[in-house]
Amino acid sequence: MTGWIRLHRGWRDCEVFGDEPMTEREAWVWLIEKAAWKPCVRRNAKGERVQIERGQFHTSLRNLGEAWSWGKNKV
């Protein structure tokens, strides 16, 4: 299969999904959704500037676990 799809960022914020944990496939799409679409600068937990290139993002295992409603070991 080739090509691309157009998917709105925040698609999972719909009330239909509720607070249920994400599946592994949903987590993969979440990663793609959160990736930078252009180079930018973000701040880490210590307040330091981090250069983010297109397709990257900056996070931690703890933040992923919270976002996906998963435990640290599953992340």
Protein backbone atom coordinates (compact mmCIF):
# COMPACT_ATOMS: atom_id res chain seq x y z
CA MET A 1 0.00 0.00 0.00
CA THR A 2 1.34 3.45 -0.83
CA GLY A 3 0.28 7.04 -0.34
CA TRP A 4 -0.68 9.03 2.70
CA ILE A 5 -3.71 9.88 4.78
CA ARG A 6 -4.79 13.16 6.26
CA LEU A 7 -5.51 12.91 9.97
CA HIS A 8 -6.44 15.84 12.19
CA ARG A 9 -4.15 16.38 15.20
CA GLY A 10 -6.13 15.78 18.38
CA TRP A 11 -8.35 13.15 16.77
CA ARG A 12 -8.40 11.15 19.99
CA ASP A 13 -9.73 14.08 22.05
CA CYS A 14 -13.24 13.15 20.89
CA GLU A 15 -15.54 12.20 23.78
CA VAL A 16 -16.24 8.84 22.12
CA PHE A 17 -12.82 7.56 23.24
CA GLY A 18 -13.24 8.62 26.87
CA ASP A 19 -10.30 7.93 29.19
CA GLU A 20 -9.60 4.39 28.02
CA PRO A 21 -5.95 3.35 27.62
CA MET A 22 -4.57 3.54 24.10
CA THR A 23 -3.84 0.49 22.03
CA GLU A 24 -0.34 0.06 20.60
CA ARG A 25 -1.61 1.18 17.19
CA GLU A 26 -3.19 4.31 18.67
CA ALA A 27 0.06 5.05 20.49
CA TRP A 28 1.95 4.79 17.17
CA VAL A 29 -0.41 7.29 15.54
CA TRP A 30 -0.08 9.52 18.65
CA LEU A 31 3.71 9.55 18.16
CA ILE A 32 3.31 10.58 14.54
CA GLU A 33 0.77 13.25 15.53
CA LYS A 34 3.07 14.78 18.16
CA ALA A 35 6.14 14.93 15.91
CA ALA A 36 7.22 18.42 14.83
CA TRP A 37 6.19 19.34 11.30
CA LYS A 38 8.95 21.95 11.08
CA PRO A 39 12.16 22.65 13.05
CA CYS A 40 11.45 24.37 16.37
CA VAL A 41 12.79 24.92 19.88
CA ARG A 42 11.10 23.43 22.96
CA ARG A 43 11.98 23.45 26.64
CA ASN A 44 12.70 20.31 28.63
CA ALA A 45 11.71 19.66 32.27
CA LYS A 46 14.78 21.60 33.46
CA GLY A 47 13.85 24.61 31.36
CA GLU A 48 16.71 24.07 28.91
CA ARG A 49 16.16 24.79 25.24
CA VAL A 50 16.06 21.72 22.99
CA GLN A 51 16.29 21.99 19.21
CA ILE A 52 13.66 19.75 17.58
CA GLU A 53 13.93 18.86 13.91
CA ARG A 54 11.08 17.89 11.61
CA GLY A 55 9.75 14.45 12.58
CA GLN A 56 11.13 14.58 16.14
CA PHE A 57 9.66 15.39 19.52
CA HIS A 58 10.96 15.59 23.07
CA THR A 59 9.32 13.64 25.88
CA SER A 60 9.94 11.17 28.71
CA LEU A 61 8.76 7.67 29.52
CA ARG A 62 6.67 9.14 32.33
CA ASN A 63 4.92 11.57 29.97
CA LEU A 64 4.23 8.79 27.48
CA GLY A 65 2.75 6.62 30.21
CA GLU A 66 0.48 9.43 31.36
CA ALA A 67 -0.64 10.26 27.82
CA TRP A 68 -1.37 6.65 26.94
CA SER A 69 -2.67 5.53 30.38
CA TRP A 70 0.03 2.86 30.48
CA GLY A 71 2.42 1.78 33.19
CA LYS A 72 6.15 2.46 32.85
CA ASN A 73 6.92 -1.17 31.96
CA LYS A 74 4.44 -1.18 29.07
CA VAL A 75 5.83 2.05 27.67
